[in-house]
């Protein structure tokens, strides 16, 4: 199977607004010194943990993306991501390049960093896993089909590592953490239930050293707070939206989606110009004791063709 996802651990030379750095984003100073939040604006929608939902300025990259023929949801991704197009064996792919820095402040930056903001994330479990306090630049390049084709069976299982990219440029990971397997997770077990307490206010944290790249496992309130917002795109090219369908006042009943099928359905989205299209939604999972739950950004399977190889 052709590998669609490539990971690069060093800074790449890309023509974009992305700036590679060694991890520290700015010298201490005023709140506006955090360069990673320069093109995002907090809204009045704020989570119970104090994470504001963001809007993203796409004015500086809109023309170049339209010149590539991109439409719909692709025009909603932050300009901090680079989007280009390539063709392989007659198939068009969108190449996404991102440095995985969130566009909100986090307690996982060094306290002297302008992007640092304290919260209640429990880092004791992370320390045992080799996760440090500093988010590093970890440039990632992911290729996704521009015109994804869904399958009705023989789906590819979602693995570990980055399986998608959020609209703010942060990597999307499955709920499989540490040594977890889908069998164990779906039975309500696994490291993810310990890791939930280590997430910062916007539901992200870094991977273990030496990478230390920031990522989401669960619905990030900086992007979506129980709404129909675009969250991002998965590696098979299908888009991921919030818990609700466009124009709906209630959550999609994801319990109707079996754990043995992709977690999504066909319908009209805010970006599909009135056309029905397959798209994903987060699904709520609980631990075996029913004492903890979260909205996973992926289910067990991709709907379309995506690489089964994950680092």
C-alpha atoms as a PDB file:
ATOM      1  CA  UNK A   1       0.000   0.000   0.000  1.00  0.00           C
ATOM      2  CA  UNK A   2       1.315   3.410  -0.885  1.00  0.00           C
ATOM      3  CA  UNK A   3       2.393   5.356   2.181  1.00  0.00           C
ATOM      4  CA  UNK A   4       0.400   8.566   2.421  1.00  0.00           C
ATOM      5  CA  UNK A   5       1.859   9.944   5.599  1.00  0.00           C
ATOM      6  CA  UNK A   6       5.440  10.990   6.109  1.00  0.00           C
ATOM      7  CA  UNK A   7       6.932  12.346   9.267  1.00  0.00           C
ATOM      8  CA  UNK A   8       9.932  14.636   9.374  1.00  0.00           C
ATOM      9  CA  UNK A   9      11.673  15.285  12.660  1.00  0.00           C
ATOM     10  CA  UNK A  10      13.728  18.220  11.445  1.00  0.00           C
ATOM     11  CA  UNK A  11      12.701  21.625  10.167  1.00  0.00           C
ATOM     12  CA  UNK A  12      11.872  21.576   6.454  1.00  0.00           C
ATOM     13  CA  UNK A  13      12.504  24.367   3.988  1.00  0.00           C
ATOM     14  CA  UNK A  14       8.984  25.331   2.979  1.00  0.00           C
ATOM     15  CA  UNK A  15       7.580  28.427   1.396  1.00  0.00           C
ATOM     16  CA  UNK A  16       5.136  29.476   4.055  1.00  0.00           C
ATOM     17  CA  UNK A  17       4.573  31.601   7.082  1.00  0.00           C
ATOM     18  CA  UNK A  18       5.833  28.732   9.261  1.00  0.00           C
ATOM     19  CA  UNK A  19       9.057  29.502  11.090  1.00  0.00           C
ATOM     20  CA  UNK A  20      11.173  26.585  12.312  1.00  0.00           C
ATOM     21  CA  UNK A  21      12.592  27.031  15.758  1.00  0.00           C
ATOM     22  CA  UNK A  22      14.221  25.010  18.478  1.00  0.00           C
ATOM     23  CA  UNK A  23      11.114  24.985  20.657  1.00  0.00           C
ATOM     24  CA  UNK A  24      11.092  28.258  22.572  1.00  0.00           C
ATOM     25  CA  UNK A  25       8.793  30.580  20.665  1.00  0.00           C
ATOM     26  CA  UNK A  26       9.599  34.021  22.007  1.00  0.00           C
ATOM     27  CA  UNK A  27      11.322  35.915  24.758  1.00  0.00           C
ATOM     28  CA  UNK A  28       9.191  36.623  27.827  1.00  0.00           C
ATOM     29  CA  UNK A  29       7.133  39.763  27.583  1.00  0.00           C
ATOM     30  CA  UNK A  30       3.607  40.915  26.964  1.00  0.00           C
ATOM     31  CA  UNK A  31       0.857  38.371  26.198  1.00  0.00           C
ATOM     32  CA  UNK A  32       0.985  39.239  22.492  1.00  0.00           C
ATOM     33  CA  UNK A  33       4.620  38.118  22.174  1.00  0.00           C
ATOM     34  CA  UNK A  34       3.596  34.509  21.507  1.00  0.00           C
ATOM     35  CA  UNK A  35       4.158  34.318  17.772  1.00  0.00           C
ATOM     36  CA  UNK A  36       2.107  31.152  17.288  1.00  0.00           C
ATOM     37  CA  UNK A  37      -1.165  32.896  18.142  1.00  0.00           C
ATOM     38  CA  UNK A  38      -0.645  35.863  15.815  1.00  0.00           C
ATOM     39  CA  UNK A  39      -3.357  34.947  13.290  1.00  0.00           C
ATOM     40  CA  UNK A  40      -5.939  33.516  15.696  1.00  0.00           C
ATOM     41  CA  UNK A  41      -8.573  35.470  17.619  1.00  0.00           C
ATOM     42  CA  UNK A  42     -10.308  34.198  20.777  1.00  0.00           C
ATOM     43  CA  UNK A  43     -14.108  34.272  20.705  1.00  0.00           C
ATOM     44  CA  UNK A  44     -16.497  34.664  23.615  1.00  0.00           C
ATOM     45  CA  UNK A  45     -17.055  30.891  23.682  1.00  0.00           C
ATOM     46  CA  UNK A  46     -14.859  29.610  26.510  1.00  0.00           C
ATOM     47  CA  UNK A  47     -14.719  26.093  27.954  1.00  0.00           C
ATOM     48  CA  UNK A  48     -15.101  25.335  31.658  1.00  0.00           C
ATOM     49  CA  UNK A  49     -11.311  24.997  31.857  1.00  0.00           C
ATOM     50  CA  UNK A  50     -10.736  28.402  30.286  1.00  0.00           C
ATOM     51  CA  UNK A  51      -9.942  27.494  26.659  1.00  0.00           C
ATOM     52  CA  UNK A  52     -11.385  30.033  24.239  1.00  0.00           C
ATOM     53  CA  UNK A  53     -12.676  28.881  20.872  1.00  0.00           C
ATOM     54  CA  UNK A  54     -10.648  30.550  18.133  1.00  0.00           C
ATOM     55  CA  UNK A  55     -11.250  32.026  14.724  1.00  0.00           C
ATOM     56  CA  UNK A  56      -8.439  32.019  12.181  1.00  0.00           C
ATOM     57  CA  UNK A  57      -7.362  34.744   9.772  1.00  0.00           C
ATOM     58  CA  UNK A  58      -7.031  33.091   6.354  1.00  0.00           C
ATOM     59  CA  UNK A  59      -6.772  36.300   4.347  1.00  0.00           C
ATOM     60  CA  UNK A  60      -3.042  35.994   3.652  1.00  0.00           C
ATOM     61  CA  UNK A  61      -3.248  32.487   2.165  1.00  0.00           C
ATOM     62  CA  UNK A  62      -6.729  32.452   0.632  1.00  0.00           C
ATOM     63  CA  UNK A  63      -5.666  33.511  -2.864  1.00  0.00           C
ATOM     64  CA  UNK A  64      -2.865  30.955  -3.089  1.00  0.00           C
ATOM     65  CA  UNK A  65      -5.170  28.169  -1.990  1.00  0.00           C
ATOM     66  CA  UNK A  66      -7.863  29.161  -4.427  1.00  0.00           C
ATOM     67  CA  UNK A  67      -5.189  29.199  -7.131  1.00  0.00           C
ATOM     68  CA  UNK A  68      -4.610  25.515  -6.363  1.00  0.00           C
ATOM     69  CA  UNK A  69      -8.298  24.917  -7.022  1.00  0.00           C
ATOM     70  CA  UNK A  70      -9.092  24.340  -3.362  1.00  0.00           C
ATOM     71  CA  UNK A  71     -12.622  25.046  -2.170  1.00  0.00           C
ATOM     72  CA  UNK A  72     -14.887  24.434   0.798  1.00  0.00           C
ATOM     73  CA  UNK A  73     -13.298  23.183   4.005  1.00  0.00           C
ATOM     74  CA  UNK A  74      -9.765  23.537   2.640  1.00  0.00           C
ATOM     75  CA  UNK A  75     -10.198  27.318   2.717  1.00  0.00           C
ATOM     76  CA  UNK A  76     -10.864  27.206   6.465  1.00  0.00           C
ATOM     77  CA  UNK A  77      -7.462  25.869   7.539  1.00  0.00           C
ATOM     78  CA  UNK A  78      -5.196  28.359   9.283  1.00  0.00           C
ATOM     79  CA  UNK A  79      -2.498  30.066   7.244  1.00  0.00           C
ATOM     80  CA  UNK A  80       0.057  28.650   9.681  1.00  0.00           C
ATOM     81  CA  UNK A  81      -0.270  25.445   7.690  1.00  0.00           C
ATOM     82  CA  UNK A  82       1.204  25.174   4.212  1.00  0.00           C
ATOM     83  CA  UNK A  83      -1.081  23.501   1.667  1.00  0.00           C
ATOM     84  CA  UNK A  84       0.305  22.404  -1.691  1.00  0.00           C
ATOM     85  CA  UNK A  85      -0.831  19.884  -4.290  1.00  0.00           C
ATOM     86  CA  UNK A  86       0.887  16.906  -5.846  1.00  0.00           C
ATOM     87  CA  UNK A  87      -0.202  14.142  -8.217  1.00  0.00           C
ATOM     88  CA  UNK A  88       0.904  10.514  -7.935  1.00  0.00           C
ATOM     89  CA  UNK A  89      -0.235   7.779 -10.319  1.00  0.00           C
ATOM     90  CA  UNK A  90      -3.005  10.052 -11.555  1.00  0.00           C
ATOM     91  CA  UNK A  91      -4.342  10.786  -8.053  1.00  0.00           C
ATOM     92  CA  UNK A  92      -4.286  14.327  -6.618  1.00  0.00           C
ATOM     93  CA  UNK A  93      -3.105  14.808  -3.048  1.00  0.00           C
ATOM     94  CA  UNK A  94      -3.029  17.799  -0.737  1.00  0.00           C
ATOM     95  CA  UNK A  95       0.308  18.069   1.052  1.00  0.00           C
ATOM     96  CA  UNK A  96      -0.095  19.583   4.519  1.00  0.00           C
ATOM     97  CA  UNK A  97       2.990  20.933   6.286  1.00  0.00           C
ATOM     98  CA  UNK A  98       2.765  22.062   9.895  1.00  0.00           C
ATOM     99  CA  UNK A  99       5.044  22.580  12.888  1.00  0.00           C
ATOM    100  CA  UNK A 100       2.417  21.299  15.374  1.00  0.00           C
ATOM    101  CA  UNK A 101       2.540  24.390  17.587  1.00  0.00           C
ATOM    102  CA  UNK A 102      -0.958  25.203  18.896  1.00  0.00           C
ATOM    103  CA  UNK A 103      -2.434  28.627  18.260  1.00  0.00           C
ATOM    104  CA  UNK A 104      -3.258  29.028  21.913  1.00  0.00           C
ATOM    105  CA  UNK A 105      -1.040  29.209  24.978  1.00  0.00           C
ATOM    106  CA  UNK A 106      -0.203  26.052  26.903  1.00  0.00           C
ATOM    107  CA  UNK A 107       1.288  24.955  30.202  1.00  0.00           C
ATOM    108  CA  UNK A 108       3.577  22.698  28.175  1.00  0.00           C
ATOM    109  CA  UNK A 109       5.830  25.595  27.199  1.00  0.00           C
ATOM    110  CA  UNK A 110       8.623  26.665  29.476  1.00  0.00           C
ATOM    111  CA  UNK A 111       7.320  29.103  32.125  1.00  0.00           C
ATOM    112  CA  UNK A 112       9.702  31.758  30.752  1.00  0.00           C
ATOM    113  CA  UNK A 113       8.182  31.429  27.274  1.00  0.00           C
ATOM    114  CA  UNK A 114       5.653  34.011  26.075  1.00  0.00           C
ATOM    115  CA  UNK A 115       3.398  31.121  24.980  1.00  0.00           C
ATOM    116  CA  UNK A 116       3.233  29.647  28.495  1.00  0.00           C
ATOM    117  CA  UNK A 117       0.008  29.748  30.480  1.00  0.00           C
ATOM    118  CA  UNK A 118      -0.454  27.754  33.658  1.00  0.00           C
ATOM    119  CA  UNK A 119      -3.342  25.331  34.094  1.00  0.00           C
ATOM    120  CA  UNK A 120      -4.204  22.211  36.062  1.00  0.00           C
ATOM    121  CA  UNK A 121      -2.644  19.596  33.764  1.00  0.00           C
ATOM    122  CA  UNK A 122      -1.173  16.776  35.863  1.00  0.00           C
ATOM    123  CA  UNK A 123       2.333  16.236  34.523  1.00  0.00           C
ATOM    124  CA  UNK A 124       3.395  13.525  36.996  1.00  0.00           C
ATOM    125  CA  UNK A 125       2.262  10.717  34.667  1.00  0.00           C
ATOM    126  CA  UNK A 126       3.898  12.484  31.736  1.00  0.00           C
ATOM    127  CA  UNK A 127       7.215  12.726  33.571  1.00  0.00           C
ATOM    128  CA  UNK A 128       7.328   8.954  33.936  1.00  0.00           C
ATOM    129  CA  UNK A 129       6.770   8.701  30.183  1.00  0.00           C
ATOM    130  CA  UNK A 130       9.629  11.077  29.365  1.00  0.00           C
ATOM    131  CA  UNK A 131       7.411  14.025  28.400  1.00  0.00           C
ATOM    132  CA  UNK A 132       9.066  17.344  29.177  1.00  0.00           C
ATOM    133  CA  UNK A 133       7.444  20.719  29.801  1.00  0.00           C
ATOM    134  CA  UNK A 134       8.519  22.269  26.534  1.00  0.00           C
ATOM    135  CA  UNK A 135       6.675  21.868  23.224  1.00  0.00           C
ATOM    136  CA  UNK A 136       9.190  21.497  20.404  1.00  0.00           C
ATOM    137  CA  UNK A 137       8.891  22.311  16.742  1.00  0.00           C
ATOM    138  CA  UNK A 138       8.213  18.975  15.045  1.00  0.00           C
ATOM    139  CA  UNK A 139       7.560  19.638  11.407  1.00  0.00           C
ATOM    140  CA  UNK A 140       5.159  17.135   9.900  1.00  0.00           C
ATOM    141  CA  UNK A 141       4.210  16.556   6.293  1.00  0.00           C
ATOM    142  CA  UNK A 142       1.044  14.606   5.558  1.00  0.00           C
ATOM    143  CA  UNK A 143      -0.407  13.786   2.141  1.00  0.00           C
ATOM    144  CA  UNK A 144      -4.167  13.255   1.935  1.00  0.00           C
ATOM    145  CA  UNK A 145      -6.298  12.500  -1.152  1.00  0.00           C
ATOM    146  CA  UNK A 146      -7.957  15.624  -2.564  1.00  0.00           C
ATOM    147  CA  UNK A 147     -10.936  13.565  -3.736  1.00  0.00           C
ATOM    148  CA  UNK A 148     -11.184  10.725  -1.203  1.00  0.00           C
ATOM    149  CA  UNK A 149     -13.051   7.559  -2.069  1.00  0.00           C
ATOM    150  CA  UNK A 150     -14.846   5.770   0.738  1.00  0.00           C
ATOM    151  CA  UNK A 151     -14.960   2.014   1.099  1.00  0.00           C
ATOM    152  CA  UNK A 152     -17.946  -0.055   2.205  1.00  0.00           C
ATOM    153  CA  UNK A 153     -15.848  -2.801   3.790  1.00  0.00           C
ATOM    154  CA  UNK A 154     -12.241  -3.899   4.386  1.00  0.00           C
ATOM    155  CA  UNK A 155     -11.488  -0.619   6.108  1.00  0.00           C
ATOM    156  CA  UNK A 156      -7.988   0.361   7.179  1.00  0.00           C
ATOM    157  CA  UNK A 157      -7.548   0.338  10.942  1.00  0.00           C
ATOM    158  CA  UNK A 158      -6.512   3.644  12.490  1.00  0.00           C
ATOM    159  CA  UNK A 159      -3.160   3.174  14.178  1.00  0.00           C
ATOM    160  CA  UNK A 160      -0.833   5.154  16.391  1.00  0.00           C
ATOM    161  CA  UNK A 161       1.053   8.291  15.492  1.00  0.00           C
ATOM    162  CA  UNK A 162      -0.488  11.218  13.662  1.00  0.00           C
ATOM    163  CA  UNK A 163      -3.656  10.248  11.809  1.00  0.00           C
ATOM    164  CA  UNK A 164      -4.869  13.715  10.819  1.00  0.00           C
ATOM    165  CA  UNK A 165      -4.347  17.451  11.145  1.00  0.00           C
ATOM    166  CA  UNK A 166      -6.608  19.985  12.882  1.00  0.00           C
ATOM    167  CA  UNK A 167      -7.516  23.328  11.297  1.00  0.00           C
ATOM    168  CA  UNK A 168      -5.046  25.054  13.632  1.00  0.00           C
ATOM    169  CA  UNK A 169      -2.163  22.854  12.460  1.00  0.00           C
ATOM    170  CA  UNK A 170      -2.021  20.525  15.464  1.00  0.00           C
ATOM    171  CA  UNK A 171      -1.624  16.780  14.865  1.00  0.00           C
ATOM    172  CA  UNK A 172      -4.646  14.547  15.495  1.00  0.00           C
ATOM    173  CA  UNK A 173      -3.905  11.230  17.190  1.00  0.00           C
ATOM    174  CA  UNK A 174      -6.136   8.248  17.795  1.00  0.00           C
ATOM    175  CA  UNK A 175      -7.056   7.217  21.363  1.00  0.00           C
ATOM    176  CA  UNK A 176      -4.348   4.539  21.293  1.00  0.00           C
ATOM    177  CA  UNK A 177      -1.751   5.722  23.798  1.00  0.00           C
ATOM    178  CA  UNK A 178       1.432   3.948  24.899  1.00  0.00           C
ATOM    179  CA  UNK A 179       1.043   0.175  24.448  1.00  0.00           C
ATOM    180  CA  UNK A 180      -2.727   0.372  23.888  1.00  0.00           C
ATOM    181  CA  UNK A 181      -4.561  -1.741  21.303  1.00  0.00           C
ATOM    182  CA  UNK A 182      -8.026  -1.187  19.895  1.00  0.00           C
ATOM    183  CA  UNK A 183      -9.249  -4.349  21.598  1.00  0.00           C
ATOM    184  CA  UNK A 184      -8.097  -3.069  24.972  1.00  0.00           C
ATOM    185  CA  UNK A 185      -9.338   0.480  24.429  1.00  0.00           C
ATOM    186  CA  UNK A 186     -12.790  -0.579  23.252  1.00  0.00           C
ATOM    187  CA  UNK A 187     -13.032  -2.730  26.378  1.00  0.00           C
ATOM    188  CA  UNK A 188     -12.508   0.444  28.411  1.00  0.00           C
ATOM    189  CA  UNK A 189      -8.823   0.097  29.204  1.00  0.00           C
ATOM    190  CA  UNK A 190      -5.451   1.514  28.222  1.00  0.00           C
ATOM    191  CA  UNK A 191      -3.051   4.334  29.014  1.00  0.00           C
ATOM    192  CA  UNK A 192      -5.331   6.967  27.484  1.00  0.00           C
ATOM    193  CA  UNK A 193      -7.406   7.041  30.670  1.00  0.00           C
ATOM    194  CA  UNK A 194      -4.316   8.108  32.621  1.00  0.00           C
ATOM    195  CA  UNK A 195      -3.288  10.582  29.939  1.00  0.00           C
ATOM    196  CA  UNK A 196      -6.601  12.454  30.053  1.00  0.00           C
ATOM    197  CA  UNK A 197      -5.526  14.121  33.293  1.00  0.00           C
ATOM    198  CA  UNK A 198      -2.338  15.357  31.622  1.00  0.00           C
ATOM    199  CA  UNK A 199      -4.071  17.375  28.900  1.00  0.00           C
ATOM    200  CA  UNK A 200      -3.845  21.157  29.104  1.00  0.00           C
ATOM    201  CA  UNK A 201      -6.885  23.431  29.116  1.00  0.00           C
ATOM    202  CA  UNK A 202      -7.316  23.032  25.345  1.00  0.00           C
ATOM    203  CA  UNK A 203      -7.068  19.221  25.510  1.00  0.00           C
ATOM    204  CA  UNK A 204      -3.587  18.791  24.059  1.00  0.00           C
ATOM    205  CA  UNK A 205      -0.161  17.682  25.223  1.00  0.00           C
ATOM    206  CA  UNK A 206       3.231  16.754  23.719  1.00  0.00           C
ATOM    207  CA  UNK A 207       4.625  13.348  22.834  1.00  0.00           C
ATOM    208  CA  UNK A 208       7.609  11.973  24.792  1.00  0.00           C
ATOM    209  CA  UNK A 209      11.112  13.312  24.190  1.00  0.00           C
ATOM    210  CA  UNK A 210      12.934  13.844  21.935  1.00  0.00           C
ATOM    211  CA  UNK A 211      10.026  14.803  19.652  1.00  0.00           C
ATOM    212  CA  UNK A 212       7.799  16.670  22.140  1.00  0.00           C
ATOM    213  CA  UNK A 213       5.295  17.507  19.429  1.00  0.00           C
ATOM    214  CA  UNK A 214       1.919  18.779  20.544  1.00  0.00           C
ATOM    215  CA  UNK A 215      -1.229  16.870  19.552  1.00  0.00           C
ATOM    216  CA  UNK A 216      -4.914  16.225  20.252  1.00  0.00           C
ATOM    217  CA  UNK A 217      -6.634  12.942  21.125  1.00  0.00           C
ATOM    218  CA  UNK A 218      -9.989  14.466  22.002  1.00  0.00           C
ATOM    219  CA  UNK A 219     -12.259  17.284  20.836  1.00  0.00           C
ATOM    220  CA  UNK A 220     -10.165  20.475  21.233  1.00  0.00           C
ATOM    221  CA  UNK A 221     -12.242  23.342  22.673  1.00  0.00           C
ATOM    222  CA  UNK A 222      -9.967  25.822  20.887  1.00  0.00           C
ATOM    223  CA  UNK A 223     -11.570  24.569  17.666  1.00  0.00           C
ATOM    224  CA  UNK A 224     -14.919  22.995  18.582  1.00  0.00           C
ATOM    225  CA  UNK A 225     -17.090  23.111  21.692  1.00  0.00           C
ATOM    226  CA  UNK A 226     -20.077  20.814  21.131  1.00  0.00           C
ATOM    227  CA  UNK A 227     -20.932  22.408  17.770  1.00  0.00           C
ATOM    228  CA  UNK A 228     -20.715  21.734  14.031  1.00  0.00           C
ATOM    229  CA  UNK A 229     -17.339  23.415  13.527  1.00  0.00           C
ATOM    230  CA  UNK A 230     -14.711  21.974  11.231  1.00  0.00           C
ATOM    231  CA  UNK A 231     -12.093  20.251  13.407  1.00  0.00           C
ATOM    232  CA  UNK A 232      -9.715  19.032  10.713  1.00  0.00           C
ATOM    233  CA  UNK A 233      -9.008  16.328   8.154  1.00  0.00           C
ATOM    234  CA  UNK A 234      -7.987  12.697   8.666  1.00  0.00           C
ATOM    235  CA  UNK A 235      -5.294  10.931   6.669  1.00  0.00           C
ATOM    236  CA  UNK A 236      -7.789   9.423   4.216  1.00  0.00           C
ATOM    237  CA  UNK A 237      -8.894  12.913   3.081  1.00  0.00           C
ATOM    238  CA  UNK A 238     -12.304  12.990   4.767  1.00  0.00           C
ATOM    239  CA  UNK A 239     -13.072  15.952   7.016  1.00  0.00           C
ATOM    240  CA  UNK A 240     -13.806  15.804  10.734  1.00  0.00           C
ATOM    241  CA  UNK A 241     -16.532  18.011  12.217  1.00  0.00           C
ATOM    242  CA  UNK A 242     -17.780  18.656  15.744  1.00  0.00           C
ATOM    243  CA  UNK A 243     -20.437  16.710  17.583  1.00  0.00           C
ATOM    244  CA  UNK A 244     -23.296  18.287  15.648  1.00  0.00           C
ATOM    245  CA  UNK A 245     -24.335  18.350  12.007  1.00  0.00           C
ATOM    246  CA  UNK A 246     -24.593  21.701  10.289  1.00  0.00           C
ATOM    247  CA  UNK A 247     -27.724  23.570  11.366  1.00  0.00           C
ATOM    248  CA  UNK A 248     -28.563  21.062  14.103  1.00  0.00           C
ATOM    249  CA  UNK A 249     -29.141  21.939  17.754  1.00  0.00           C
ATOM    250  CA  UNK A 250     -28.451  18.396  18.975  1.00  0.00           C
ATOM    251  CA  UNK A 251     -25.460  16.091  18.878  1.00  0.00           C
ATOM    252  CA  UNK A 252     -25.172  13.374  16.265  1.00  0.00           C
ATOM    253  CA  UNK A 253     -26.081  10.035  17.827  1.00  0.00           C
ATOM    254  CA  UNK A 254     -22.728   8.347  17.284  1.00  0.00           C
ATOM    255  CA  UNK A 255     -23.914   5.314  19.249  1.00  0.00           C
ATOM    256  CA  UNK A 256     -25.541   4.259  15.972  1.00  0.00           C
ATOM    257  CA  UNK A 257     -22.048   3.917  14.486  1.00  0.00           C
ATOM    258  CA  UNK A 258     -20.652   0.540  15.466  1.00  0.00           C
ATOM    259  CA  UNK A 259     -17.095   0.346  16.776  1.00  0.00           C
ATOM    260  CA  UNK A 260     -16.476  -1.973  13.820  1.00  0.00           C
ATOM    261  CA  UNK A 261     -17.148   0.759  11.250  1.00  0.00           C
ATOM    262  CA  UNK A 262     -15.896   4.298  10.550  1.00  0.00           C
ATOM    263  CA  UNK A 263     -17.420   6.894  12.904  1.00  0.00           C
ATOM    264  CA  UNK A 264     -19.180   9.134  10.410  1.00  0.00           C
ATOM    265  CA  UNK A 265     -21.962   9.433   7.871  1.00  0.00           C
ATOM    266  CA  UNK A 266     -23.027  11.054   4.610  1.00  0.00           C
ATOM    267  CA  UNK A 267     -24.686  14.456   4.821  1.00  0.00           C
ATOM    268  CA  UNK A 268     -24.491  18.145   4.037  1.00  0.00           C
ATOM    269  CA  UNK A 269     -21.865  20.169   5.901  1.00  0.00           C
ATOM    270  CA  UNK A 270     -21.290  23.900   6.180  1.00  0.00           C
ATOM    271  CA  UNK A 271     -18.518  23.543   3.590  1.00  0.00           C
ATOM    272  CA  UNK A 272     -20.044  21.155   1.055  1.00  0.00           C
ATOM    273  CA  UNK A 273     -22.079  23.701  -0.968  1.00  0.00           C
ATOM    274  CA  UNK A 274     -25.311  21.786  -0.406  1.00  0.00           C
ATOM    275  CA  UNK A 275     -23.855  18.464  -1.534  1.00  0.00           C
ATOM    276  CA  UNK A 276     -23.936  15.395   0.667  1.00  0.00           C
ATOM    277  CA  UNK A 277     -20.502  14.053   1.573  1.00  0.00           C
ATOM    278  CA  UNK A 278     -19.045  11.594   4.018  1.00  0.00           C
ATOM    279  CA  UNK A 279     -17.575  13.206   7.129  1.00  0.00           C
ATOM    280  CA  UNK A 280     -16.462  12.151  10.591  1.00  0.00           C
ATOM    281  CA  UNK A 281     -17.685  13.148  14.051  1.00  0.00           C
ATOM    282  CA  UNK A 282     -16.064  12.641  17.482  1.00  0.00           C
ATOM    283  CA  UNK A 283     -17.467   9.748  19.491  1.00  0.00           C
ATOM    284  CA  UNK A 284     -17.750   9.524  23.260  1.00  0.00           C
ATOM    285  CA  UNK A 285     -15.985   6.587  24.908  1.00  0.00           C
ATOM    286  CA  UNK A 286     -15.951   5.601  28.595  1.00  0.00           C
ATOM    287  CA  UNK A 287     -13.521   3.576  30.666  1.00  0.00           C
ATOM    288  CA  UNK A 288     -14.506   0.168  31.986  1.00  0.00           C
ATOM    289  CA  UNK A 289     -15.456   1.595  35.382  1.00  0.00           C
ATOM    290  CA  UNK A 290     -17.633   4.290  33.746  1.00  0.00           C
ATOM    291  CA  UNK A 291     -15.850   6.906  35.838  1.00  0.00           C
ATOM    292  CA  UNK A 292     -14.273   8.823  32.961  1.00  0.00           C
ATOM    293  CA  UNK A 293     -15.187   9.645  29.367  1.00  0.00           C
ATOM    294  CA  UNK A 294     -13.996  11.745  26.455  1.00  0.00           C
ATOM    295  CA  UNK A 295     -14.841  12.487  22.821  1.00  0.00           C
ATOM    296  CA  UNK A 296     -12.272  10.666  20.692  1.00  0.00           C
ATOM    297  CA  UNK A 297     -11.401  12.322  17.373  1.00  0.00           C
ATOM    298  CA  UNK A 298     -11.210   8.958  15.613  1.00  0.00           C
ATOM    299  CA  UNK A 299     -12.871   5.595  15.691  1.00  0.00           C
ATOM    300  CA  UNK A 300     -11.214   2.296  14.857  1.00  0.00           C
ATOM    301  CA  UNK A 301     -11.358   2.620  11.057  1.00  0.00           C
ATOM    302  CA  UNK A 302     -10.752   5.074   8.225  1.00  0.00           C
ATOM    303  CA  UNK A 303     -13.558   5.326   5.675  1.00  0.00           C
ATOM    304  CA  UNK A 304     -11.138   5.824   2.794  1.00  0.00           C
ATOM    305  CA  UNK A 305      -7.668   4.715   1.840  1.00  0.00           C
ATOM    306  CA  UNK A 306      -4.957   5.814   4.254  1.00  0.00           C
ATOM    307  CA  UNK A 307      -1.585   4.485   5.211  1.00  0.00           C
ATOM    308  CA  UNK A 308      -1.584   1.763   7.864  1.00  0.00           C
ATOM    309  CA  UNK A 309       1.992   2.761   8.762  1.00  0.00           C
ATOM    310  CA  UNK A 310       2.304   5.056  11.766  1.00  0.00           C
ATOM    311  CA  UNK A 311       5.522   5.893  13.635  1.00  0.00           C
END
